[in-house]
Amino acid sequence: MPMPGSSAACARRYARSRVYTGRVLRDIGRKLGATPEGGLRTRIEQRMTLVTRLLRQTPKSAGKLYALHETEVDCIFKGEARVRYDFGKAEIVAA
């Protein structure tokens, strides 16, 4: 039996969360037919597209999605020992 913080336990929890997310996504897709055309249906379809993209990406995928609420977030490599990765948008301002 692996330790609670081991990578095997984390991998199982990650896989299970992907399964649950996929189930909810398919269920919403089935029930979307009863939703009338309009703003709500459009927003639901946009979110479903993002979640589908999130479920299909791999660790080596280009153009990864890091946040559902802010789709323009990128991974900025910093190289510091205490903070290996930083997420956000890099902006350079020259005066």
Protein backbone atom coordinates (compact mmCIF):
# COMPACT_ATOMS: atom_id res chain seq x y z
CA MET A 1 0.00 0.00 0.00
CA PRO A 2 1.56 3.31 -1.06
CA MET A 3 2.06 6.20 1.33
CA PRO A 4 -0.67 8.87 1.27
CA GLY A 5 1.52 11.48 -0.40
CA SER A 6 3.15 9.13 -2.87
CA SER A 7 3.04 9.67 -6.60
CA ALA A 8 1.02 6.47 -7.11
CA ALA A 9 -1.74 7.73 -4.83
CA CYS A 10 -1.66 11.13 -6.52
CA ALA A 11 -1.89 9.50 -9.95
CA ARG A 12 -4.94 7.49 -8.85
CA ARG A 13 -6.68 10.59 -7.49
CA TYR A 14 -5.86 12.52 -10.68
CA ALA A 15 -7.21 9.72 -12.88
CA ARG A 16 -10.37 9.49 -10.79
CA SER A 17 -10.96 13.25 -11.04
CA ARG A 18 -10.60 13.03 -14.84
CA VAL A 19 -13.17 10.20 -14.91
CA TYR A 20 -15.64 12.21 -12.80
CA THR A 21 -15.11 15.32 -14.91
CA GLY A 22 -15.71 13.34 -18.10
CA ARG A 23 -18.91 11.85 -16.70
CA VAL A 24 -20.27 15.25 -15.71
CA LEU A 25 -19.29 16.68 -19.11
CA ARG A 26 -21.12 13.92 -20.98
CA ASP A 27 -24.18 14.31 -18.74
CA ILE A 28 -24.31 18.05 -19.37
CA GLY A 29 -23.92 17.38 -23.10
CA ARG A 30 -26.92 15.05 -23.06
CA LYS A 31 -29.07 17.56 -21.17
CA LEU A 32 -27.98 20.50 -23.34
CA GLY A 33 -30.59 19.59 -25.95
CA ALA A 34 -33.37 20.82 -23.66
CA THR A 35 -31.69 24.22 -23.20
CA PRO A 36 -33.14 26.88 -25.50
CA GLU A 37 -30.92 28.74 -27.95
CA GLY A 38 -29.46 31.91 -26.51
CA GLY A 39 -26.80 33.30 -24.23
CA LEU A 40 -26.94 30.57 -21.59
CA ARG A 41 -26.57 27.76 -24.12
CA THR A 42 -23.66 29.56 -25.79
CA ARG A 43 -21.84 30.01 -22.46
CA ILE A 44 -22.39 26.34 -21.58
CA GLU A 45 -21.03 25.23 -24.97
CA GLN A 46 -17.97 27.46 -24.57
CA ARG A 47 -17.23 25.99 -21.13
CA MET A 48 -17.74 22.46 -22.44
CA THR A 49 -15.21 23.17 -25.19
CA LEU A 50 -12.67 24.33 -22.60
CA VAL A 51 -13.24 21.30 -20.36
CA THR A 52 -12.92 18.94 -23.35
CA ARG A 53 -9.65 20.64 -24.27
CA LEU A 54 -8.48 20.29 -20.67
CA LEU A 55 -9.32 16.57 -20.56
CA ARG A 56 -7.55 15.82 -23.87
CA GLN A 57 -4.30 17.66 -23.19
CA THR A 58 -1.16 15.74 -22.27
CA PRO A 59 1.90 16.88 -20.31
CA LYS A 60 3.76 17.54 -23.58
CA SER A 61 0.86 19.32 -25.33
CA ALA A 62 1.51 22.69 -26.90
CA GLY A 63 -0.88 25.49 -25.96
CA LYS A 64 -1.93 23.98 -22.65
CA LEU A 65 -4.89 25.25 -20.69
CA TYR A 66 -3.81 26.08 -17.11
CA ALA A 67 -6.95 27.80 -15.79
CA LEU A 68 -10.59 27.54 -16.85
CA HIS A 69 -11.47 30.97 -15.49
CA GLU A 70 -8.54 32.72 -17.26
CA THR A 71 -7.67 31.01 -20.53
CA GLU A 72 -4.77 33.31 -21.42
CA VAL A 73 -2.60 32.17 -18.48
CA ASP A 74 0.78 30.78 -19.54
CA CYS A 75 3.49 28.88 -17.71
CA ILE A 76 6.52 31.09 -17.19
CA PHE A 77 9.67 29.14 -16.30
CA LYS A 78 11.63 30.93 -13.58
CA GLY A 79 14.35 28.44 -12.71
CA GLU A 80 14.50 29.27 -9.01
CA ALA A 81 14.83 26.38 -6.58
CA ARG A 82 11.98 27.43 -4.30
CA VAL A 83 9.58 28.44 -7.10
CA ARG A 84 10.08 26.24 -10.13
CA TYR A 85 7.18 27.54 -12.20
CA ASP A 86 5.18 30.73 -12.23
CA PHE A 87 1.82 31.14 -13.92
CA GLY A 88 0.48 34.33 -15.43
CA LYS A 89 1.17 36.65 -18.33
CA ALA A 90 4.59 38.14 -18.95
CA GLU A 91 4.59 41.78 -19.91
CA ILE A 92 7.61 43.91 -20.67
CA VAL A 93 7.35 47.66 -20.24
CA ALA A 94 10.11 49.81 -21.64
CA ALA A 95 10.39 53.44 -20.68
